[in-house]
Amino acid sequence: MKINWGTGIVIAFACFIAFIMYFVVTMVTDQKYHHDLVVEDYYKQELSLQDDIDKEENALKLEENITYTKTAEGIVIQFPESINESQISGTVTLYRPSNKTLDFQMPIVLKDHSILIANDKLVSGRWNLTVDWKNNNSSYLYKKSIVY
């Protein structure tokens, strides 16, 4: 059987379409490739965006802001010494962009104006650190991308 150039083009197109379809089906059905949203309630978070901007501006007006350091035990988040630590409340959120199962949130419980995030909760790589805290009637927000 002899194949002419028209039949060869049709066979080439069919093979190319089959090749593309194989990868589309693999990406959609394989559990290894997650197609999750960044956050589940992004519409709700979008509505509170102006509040977050105001909190960040409040944090920038402080004499000293939150700092973090990487230690052998984990990450130490240091709050301003000028603020009474018993009046500080809020949450610390660590978001892992590559794997949402590693995300966690913890309440702020200070010891010597600092809080420790232990090594056992962290894996190496990129994290988004968000500290949403209050002092008296003022709200503050600290956001930082860190590599652990």
N, C-alpha and C. Protein backbone atom coordinates (compact mmCIF):
# COMPACT_ATOMS: atom_id res chain seq x y z
N MET A 1 0.84 -1.17 0.00
CA MET A 1 0.00 0.00 0.00
C MET A 1 0.89 1.23 0.00
N LYS A 2 0.56 2.15 -0.87
CA LYS A 2 1.33 3.36 -1.00
C LYS A 2 0.55 4.51 -0.36
N ILE A 3 1.27 5.33 0.45
CA ILE A 3 0.65 6.47 1.14
C ILE A 3 1.08 7.74 0.41
N ASN A 4 0.08 8.52 -0.02
CA ASN A 4 0.41 9.78 -0.69
C ASN A 4 0.57 10.89 0.37
N TRP A 5 0.94 12.09 -0.09
CA TRP A 5 1.23 13.17 0.85
C TRP A 5 -0.02 13.64 1.58
N GLY A 6 -1.19 13.59 1.02
CA GLY A 6 -2.44 13.98 1.69
C GLY A 6 -2.76 13.05 2.85
N THR A 7 -2.59 11.74 2.63
CA THR A 7 -2.83 10.78 3.70
C THR A 7 -1.80 10.97 4.81
N GLY A 8 -0.56 11.27 4.47
CA GLY A 8 0.50 11.50 5.46
C GLY A 8 0.19 12.70 6.35
N ILE A 9 -0.36 13.76 5.77
CA ILE A 9 -0.72 14.95 6.55
C ILE A 9 -1.86 14.62 7.52
N VAL A 10 -2.85 13.89 7.06
CA VAL A 10 -3.98 13.50 7.92
C VAL A 10 -3.48 12.63 9.07
N ILE A 11 -2.60 11.69 8.78
CA ILE A 11 -2.04 10.81 9.83
C ILE A 11 -1.22 11.65 10.82
N ALA A 12 -0.43 12.61 10.33
CA ALA A 12 0.36 13.46 11.22
C ALA A 12 -0.53 14.29 12.13
N PHE A 13 -1.60 14.88 11.57
CA PHE A 13 -2.54 15.64 12.39
C PHE A 13 -3.21 14.76 13.43
N ALA A 14 -3.62 13.57 13.06
CA ALA A 14 -4.28 12.65 13.99
C ALA A 14 -3.32 12.27 15.13
N CYS A 15 -2.06 12.00 14.80
CA CYS A 15 -1.07 11.66 15.83
C CYS A 15 -0.83 12.84 16.76
N PHE A 16 -0.75 14.04 16.22
CA PHE A 16 -0.54 15.24 17.03
C PHE A 16 -1.72 15.48 17.97
N ILE A 17 -2.95 15.33 17.45
CA ILE A 17 -4.14 15.51 18.29
C ILE A 17 -4.19 14.46 19.39
N ALA A 18 -3.84 13.23 19.08
CA ALA A 18 -3.82 12.17 20.08
C ALA A 18 -2.77 12.47 21.15
N PHE A 19 -1.62 12.97 20.75
CA PHE A 19 -0.55 13.33 21.67
C PHE A 19 -1.01 14.42 22.65
N ILE A 20 -1.64 15.47 22.13
CA ILE A 20 -2.13 16.57 22.97
C ILE A 20 -3.24 16.08 23.90
N MET A 21 -4.15 15.29 23.39
CA MET A 21 -5.25 14.76 24.22
C MET A 21 -4.73 13.89 25.35
N TYR A 22 -3.69 13.12 25.09
CA TYR A 22 -3.09 12.29 26.14
C TYR A 22 -2.61 13.17 27.29
N PHE A 23 -1.92 14.26 26.99
CA PHE A 23 -1.42 15.13 28.06
C PHE A 23 -2.54 15.89 28.76
N VAL A 24 -3.58 16.28 28.05
CA VAL A 24 -4.71 16.96 28.69
C VAL A 24 -5.41 16.02 29.66
N VAL A 25 -5.68 14.80 29.24
CA VAL A 25 -6.35 13.83 30.10
C VAL A 25 -5.47 13.50 31.30
N THR A 26 -4.17 13.35 31.09
CA THR A 26 -3.25 13.06 32.19
C THR A 26 -3.25 14.19 33.22
N MET A 27 -3.20 15.43 32.79
CA MET A 27 -3.16 16.56 33.72
C MET A 27 -4.46 16.72 34.49
N VAL A 28 -5.57 16.39 33.88
CA VAL A 28 -6.86 16.57 34.54
C VAL A 28 -7.13 15.44 35.54
N THR A 29 -6.75 14.22 35.22
CA THR A 29 -7.12 13.09 36.06
C THR A 29 -6.07 12.69 37.08
N ASP A 30 -4.82 13.03 36.90
CA ASP A 30 -3.76 12.60 37.81
C ASP A 30 -3.81 13.44 39.09
N GLN A 31 -3.85 12.76 40.24
CA GLN A 31 -3.91 13.45 41.53
C GLN A 31 -2.61 14.15 41.88
N LYS A 32 -1.55 13.83 41.20
CA LYS A 32 -0.26 14.46 41.45
C LYS A 32 -0.27 15.94 41.06
N TYR A 33 -1.12 16.29 40.11
CA TYR A 33 -1.21 17.67 39.64
C TYR A 33 -2.47 18.31 40.22
N HIS A 34 -2.30 19.09 41.28
CA HIS A 34 -3.44 19.72 41.93
C HIS A 34 -3.78 21.03 41.22
N HIS A 35 -5.07 21.28 41.08
CA HIS A 35 -5.53 22.51 40.45
C HIS A 35 -6.41 23.25 41.45
N ASP A 36 -5.85 23.47 42.65
CA ASP A 36 -6.61 24.11 43.71
C ASP A 36 -6.50 25.62 43.62
N LEU A 37 -7.49 26.27 44.19
CA LEU A 37 -7.46 27.72 44.31
C LEU A 37 -6.45 28.09 45.39
N VAL A 38 -5.98 29.31 45.36
CA VAL A 38 -5.05 29.77 46.38
C VAL A 38 -5.73 29.73 47.74
N VAL A 39 -6.92 30.25 47.83
CA VAL A 39 -7.74 30.17 49.03
C VAL A 39 -9.16 29.82 48.62
N GLU A 40 -9.87 29.17 49.50
CA GLU A 40 -11.23 28.73 49.17
C GLU A 40 -12.22 29.89 49.10
N ASP A 41 -12.05 30.87 49.99
CA ASP A 41 -13.02 31.97 50.06
C ASP A 41 -12.40 33.28 49.56
N TYR A 42 -11.92 33.27 48.33
CA TYR A 42 -11.21 34.44 47.81
C TYR A 42 -12.13 35.63 47.59
N TYR A 43 -13.40 35.42 47.34
CA TYR A 43 -14.33 36.55 47.18
C TYR A 43 -14.49 37.28 48.52
N LYS A 44 -14.59 36.50 49.59
CA LYS A 44 -14.71 37.09 50.92
C LYS A 44 -13.44 37.86 51.27
N GLN A 45 -12.29 37.30 50.94
CA GLN A 45 -11.04 37.99 51.24
C GLN A 45 -10.87 39.23 50.39
N GLU A 46 -11.39 39.23 49.20
CA GLU A 46 -11.31 40.40 48.32
C GLU A 46 -12.08 41.57 48.93
N LEU A 47 -13.19 41.29 49.60
CA LEU A 47 -13.99 42.34 50.21
C LEU A 47 -13.26 42.99 51.39
N SER A 48 -12.37 42.25 52.03
CA SER A 48 -11.64 42.78 53.19
C SER A 48 -10.27 43.33 52.80
N LEU A 49 -10.02 43.52 51.52
CA LEU A 49 -8.72 43.99 51.06
C LEU A 49 -8.38 45.39 51.59
N GLN A 50 -9.35 46.29 51.60
CA GLN A 50 -9.08 47.64 52.09
C GLN A 50 -8.73 47.62 53.57
N ASP A 51 -9.37 46.76 54.34
CA ASP A 51 -9.02 46.63 55.76
C ASP A 51 -7.57 46.18 55.92
N ASP A 52 -7.14 45.25 55.08
CA ASP A 52 -5.75 44.78 55.13
C ASP A 52 -4.78 45.89 54.77
N ILE A 53 -5.13 46.71 53.79
CA ILE A 53 -4.27 47.83 53.40
C ILE A 53 -4.15 48.82 54.56
N ASP A 54 -5.26 49.10 55.23
CA ASP A 54 -5.23 50.01 56.38
C ASP A 54 -4.37 49.44 57.50
N LYS A 55 -4.47 48.14 57.75
CA LYS A 55 -3.66 47.51 58.80
C LYS A 55 -2.17 47.57 58.47
N GLU A 56 -1.83 47.37 57.20
CA GLU A 56 -0.43 47.45 56.79
C GLU A 56 0.10 48.87 56.94
N GLU A 57 -0.71 49.85 56.62
CA GLU A 57 -0.30 51.25 56.79
C GLU A 57 -0.09 51.57 58.27
N ASN A 58 -0.96 51.04 59.15
CA ASN A 58 -0.78 51.22 60.59
C ASN A 58 0.55 50.61 61.04
N ALA A 59 0.88 49.45 60.51
CA ALA A 59 2.12 48.79 60.89
C ALA A 59 3.34 49.58 60.43
N LEU A 60 3.25 50.23 59.28
CA LEU A 60 4.36 51.03 58.78
C LEU A 60 4.57 52.30 59.61
N LYS A 61 3.54 52.76 60.29
CA LYS A 61 3.64 53.96 61.12
C LYS A 61 4.30 53.69 62.47
N LEU A 62 4.45 52.42 62.85
CA LEU A 62 5.08 52.08 64.13
C LEU A 62 6.55 52.48 64.12
N GLU A 63 7.08 52.77 65.31
CA GLU A 63 8.50 53.08 65.44
C GLU A 63 9.36 51.90 64.98
N GLU A 64 8.98 50.73 65.44
CA GLU A 64 9.64 49.49 65.01
C GLU A 64 8.56 48.47 64.68
N ASN A 65 8.79 47.72 63.62
CA ASN A 65 7.80 46.75 63.17
C ASN A 65 8.24 45.36 63.61
N ILE A 66 7.46 44.39 63.26
CA ILE A 66 7.78 43.00 63.55
C ILE A 66 9.01 42.60 62.74
N THR A 67 9.85 41.78 63.35
CA THR A 67 10.99 41.20 62.65
C THR A 67 10.97 39.70 62.86
N TYR A 68 11.62 38.98 61.98
CA TYR A 68 11.72 37.54 62.15
C TYR A 68 13.17 37.11 61.94
N THR A 69 13.55 36.04 62.61
CA THR A 69 14.88 35.47 62.42
C THR A 69 14.75 33.96 62.37
N LYS A 70 15.61 33.36 61.59
CA LYS A 70 15.66 31.91 61.49
C LYS A 70 16.69 31.40 62.50
N THR A 71 16.26 30.50 63.37
CA THR A 71 17.16 29.94 64.37
C THR A 71 17.20 28.43 64.22
N ALA A 72 17.96 27.77 65.08
CA ALA A 72 18.06 26.32 65.04
C ALA A 72 16.74 25.66 65.44
N GLU A 73 15.94 26.35 66.25
CA GLU A 73 14.66 25.78 66.71
C GLU A 73 13.53 26.03 65.73
N GLY A 74 13.67 27.04 64.88
CA GLY A 74 12.61 27.39 63.93
C GLY A 74 12.69 28.86 63.57
N ILE A 75 11.55 29.49 63.42
CA ILE A 75 11.47 30.92 63.11
C ILE A 75 10.96 31.65 64.34
N VAL A 76 11.69 32.68 64.74
CA VAL A 76 11.30 33.50 65.88
C VAL A 76 10.77 34.83 65.33
N ILE A 77 9.53 35.14 65.68
CA ILE A 77 8.92 36.41 65.29
C ILE A 77 8.98 37.33 66.49
N GLN A 78 9.66 38.46 66.31
CA GLN A 78 9.89 39.42 67.39
C GLN A 78 8.95 40.61 67.23
N PHE A 79 8.17 40.88 68.28
CA PHE A 79 7.26 42.02 68.28
C PHE A 79 7.96 43.24 68.88
N PRO A 80 7.45 44.46 68.60
CA PRO A 80 8.09 45.67 69.12
C PRO A 80 8.15 45.67 70.65
N GLU A 81 9.31 46.04 71.18
CA GLU A 81 9.51 46.08 72.64
C GLU A 81 8.71 47.21 73.28
N SER A 82 8.39 48.24 72.51
CA SER A 82 7.69 49.40 73.06
C SER A 82 6.22 49.12 73.38
N ILE A 83 5.70 47.99 72.92
CA ILE A 83 4.29 47.65 73.14
C ILE A 83 4.20 46.59 74.24
N ASN A 84 3.25 46.77 75.14
CA ASN A 84 3.04 45.82 76.22
C ASN A 84 2.58 44.49 75.63
N GLU A 85 3.32 43.42 75.90
CA GLU A 85 3.02 42.14 75.26
C GLU A 85 1.71 41.53 75.72
N SER A 86 1.22 41.90 76.89
CA SER A 86 -0.06 41.36 77.36
C SER A 86 -1.24 41.95 76.60
N GLN A 87 -1.02 43.06 75.89
CA GLN A 87 -2.09 43.69 75.12
C GLN A 87 -2.09 43.27 73.66
N ILE A 88 -1.17 42.40 73.27
CA ILE A 88 -1.07 41.96 71.88
C ILE A 88 -1.87 40.67 71.70
N SER A 89 -2.73 40.65 70.67
CA SER A 89 -3.48 39.44 70.34
C SER A 89 -3.58 39.35 68.82
N GLY A 90 -3.86 38.16 68.33
CA GLY A 90 -4.01 37.98 66.89
C GLY A 90 -3.60 36.60 66.46
N THR A 91 -3.26 36.47 65.18
CA THR A 91 -2.91 35.17 64.62
C THR A 91 -1.68 35.29 63.72
N VAL A 92 -0.95 34.19 63.64
CA VAL A 92 0.17 34.05 62.73
C VAL A 92 -0.24 32.98 61.72
N THR A 93 -0.15 33.30 60.43
CA THR A 93 -0.52 32.37 59.38
C THR A 93 0.68 32.13 58.49
N LEU A 94 0.98 30.86 58.26
CA LEU A 94 2.02 30.51 57.29
C LEU A 94 1.35 29.75 56.16
N TYR A 95 1.52 30.29 54.97
CA TYR A 95 0.90 29.75 53.77
C TYR A 95 1.99 29.20 52.86
N ARG A 96 1.82 27.98 52.45
CA ARG A 96 2.78 27.33 51.55
C ARG A 96 2.20 27.33 50.15
N PRO A 97 2.73 28.14 49.20
CA PRO A 97 2.15 28.22 47.87
C PRO A 97 2.15 26.90 47.11
N SER A 98 3.11 26.04 47.36
CA SER A 98 3.22 24.82 46.58
C SER A 98 2.39 23.66 47.13
N ASN A 99 1.90 23.75 48.38
CA ASN A 99 1.16 22.64 48.96
C ASN A 99 0.25 23.16 50.05
N LYS A 100 -1.04 23.22 49.78
CA LYS A 100 -1.96 23.81 50.75
C LYS A 100 -2.15 22.95 52.00
N THR A 101 -1.76 21.68 51.96
CA THR A 101 -1.90 20.84 53.15
C THR A 101 -0.89 21.23 54.23
N LEU A 102 0.15 21.98 53.88
CA LEU A 102 1.15 22.41 54.86
C LEU A 102 0.79 23.74 55.52
N ASP A 103 -0.23 24.44 55.02
CA ASP A 103 -0.64 25.73 55.59
C ASP A 103 -1.11 25.53 57.03
N PHE A 104 -0.80 26.50 57.87
CA PHE A 104 -1.32 26.46 59.23
C PHE A 104 -1.43 27.86 59.80
N GLN A 105 -2.22 27.93 60.87
CA GLN A 105 -2.48 29.20 61.55
C GLN A 105 -2.39 28.94 63.04
N MET A 106 -1.82 29.87 63.76
CA MET A 106 -1.70 29.72 65.20
C MET A 106 -1.96 31.05 65.89
N PRO A 107 -2.52 31.00 67.11
CA PRO A 107 -2.77 32.25 67.83
C PRO A 107 -1.45 32.81 68.37
N ILE A 108 -1.45 34.11 68.59
CA ILE A 108 -0.25 34.76 69.13
C ILE A 108 -0.24 34.59 70.64
N VAL A 109 0.75 33.88 71.13
CA VAL A 109 1.01 33.73 72.55
C VAL A 109 2.47 34.10 72.74
N LEU A 110 2.70 35.27 73.34
CA LEU A 110 4.05 35.83 73.40
C LEU A 110 4.80 35.42 74.66
N LYS A 111 6.11 35.29 74.48
CA LYS A 111 7.04 35.08 75.58
C LYS A 111 8.23 35.97 75.28
N ASP A 112 8.45 36.98 76.10
CA ASP A 112 9.52 37.96 75.89
C ASP A 112 9.37 38.67 74.54
N HIS A 113 8.18 39.11 74.22
CA HIS A 113 7.87 39.82 72.98
C HIS A 113 8.16 39.00 71.72
N SER A 114 8.18 37.70 71.83
CA SER A 114 8.46 36.88 70.64
C SER A 114 7.61 35.62 70.66
N ILE A 115 7.50 35.03 69.49
CA ILE A 115 6.79 33.76 69.34
C ILE A 115 7.65 32.87 68.46
N LEU A 116 7.70 31.59 68.80
CA LEU A 116 8.52 30.62 68.07
C LEU A 116 7.63 29.72 67.23
N ILE A 117 7.98 29.58 65.97
CA ILE A 117 7.33 28.60 65.10
C ILE A 117 8.34 27.48 64.94
N ALA A 118 8.01 26.33 65.49
CA ALA A 118 8.97 25.23 65.60
C ALA A 118 9.28 24.60 64.24
N ASN A 119 10.47 24.00 64.17
CA ASN A 119 10.94 23.33 62.95
C ASN A 119 10.01 22.23 62.49
N ASP A 120 9.38 21.53 63.42
CA ASP A 120 8.56 20.38 63.03
C ASP A 120 7.33 20.77 62.22
N LYS A 121 6.94 22.05 62.24
CA LYS A 121 5.80 22.52 61.44
C LYS A 121 6.24 23.03 60.07
N LEU A 122 7.54 23.21 59.88
CA LEU A 122 8.05 23.84 58.66
C LEU A 122 8.86 22.86 57.83
N VAL A 123 8.74 22.97 56.54
CA VAL A 123 9.61 22.25 55.61
C VAL A 123 10.35 23.30 54.80
N SER A 124 11.47 22.92 54.26
CA SER A 124 12.27 23.91 53.53
C SER A 124 11.54 24.35 52.26
N GLY A 125 11.71 25.61 51.93
CA GLY A 125 11.09 26.17 50.75
C GLY A 125 10.48 27.53 51.05
N ARG A 126 9.64 28.00 50.15
CA ARG A 126 9.03 29.32 50.26
C ARG A 126 7.75 29.28 51.08
N TRP A 127 7.61 30.25 51.97
CA TRP A 127 6.42 30.41 52.81
C TRP A 127 5.99 31.87 52.74
N ASN A 128 4.70 32.11 52.86
CA ASN A 128 4.17 33.47 53.02
C ASN A 128 3.76 33.62 54.47
N LEU A 129 4.44 34.50 55.18
CA LEU A 129 4.18 34.75 56.60
C LEU A 129 3.25 35.95 56.71
N THR A 130 2.15 35.78 57.44
CA THR A 130 1.20 36.86 57.69
C THR A 130 0.91 36.91 59.18
N VAL A 131 1.17 38.06 59.77
CA VAL A 131 0.87 38.27 61.19
C VAL A 131 -0.19 39.35 61.27
N ASP A 132 -1.38 38.95 61.69
CA ASP A 132 -2.52 39.86 61.85
C ASP A 132 -2.70 40.05 63.35
N TRP A 133 -2.38 41.22 63.85
CA TRP A 133 -2.39 41.43 65.30
C TRP A 133 -3.01 42.75 65.69
N LYS A 134 -3.41 42.80 66.97
CA LYS A 134 -4.05 43.97 67.54
C LYS A 134 -3.33 44.39 68.80
N ASN A 135 -3.32 45.68 69.02
CA ASN A 135 -2.83 46.25 70.27
C ASN A 135 -3.81 47.35 70.65
N ASN A 136 -4.44 47.19 71.80
CA ASN A 136 -5.52 48.10 72.22
C ASN A 136 -6.59 48.13 71.14
N ASN A 137 -6.84 49.27 70.51
CA ASN A 137 -7.87 49.36 69.48
C ASN A 137 -7.29 49.45 68.08
N SER A 138 -5.99 49.30 67.95
CA SER A 138 -5.34 49.41 66.65
C SER A 138 -5.04 48.02 66.09
N SER A 139 -5.29 47.87 64.79
CA SER A 139 -5.01 46.60 64.11
C SER A 139 -3.81 46.78 63.19
N TYR A 140 -3.00 45.73 63.11
CA TYR A 140 -1.79 45.77 62.29
C TYR A 140 -1.69 44.49 61.47
N LEU A 141 -0.97 44.59 60.36
CA LEU A 141 -0.76 43.43 59.50
C LEU A 141 0.67 43.46 58.98
N TYR A 142 1.33 42.33 59.11
CA TYR A 142 2.71 42.18 58.63
C TYR A 142 2.72 41.01 57.66
N LYS A 143 3.17 41.26 56.44
CA LYS A 143 3.25 40.21 55.42
C LYS A 143 4.69 40.13 54.92
N LYS A 144 5.16 38.91 54.75
CA LYS A 144 6.52 38.72 54.25
C LYS A 144 6.62 37.35 53.59
N SER A 145 7.29 37.30 52.46
CA SER A 145 7.61 36.01 51.83
C SER A 145 8.98 35.60 52.34
N ILE A 146 9.06 34.40 52.89
CA ILE A 146 10.32 33.94 53.46
C ILE A 146 10.71 32.61 52.82
N VAL A 147 11.98 32.32 52.83
CA VAL A 147 12.49 31.04 52.38
C VAL A 147 13.10 30.36 53.59
N TYR A 148 12.58 29.20 53.92
CA TYR A 148 13.05 28.48 55.10
C TYR A 148 13.93 27.34 54.68
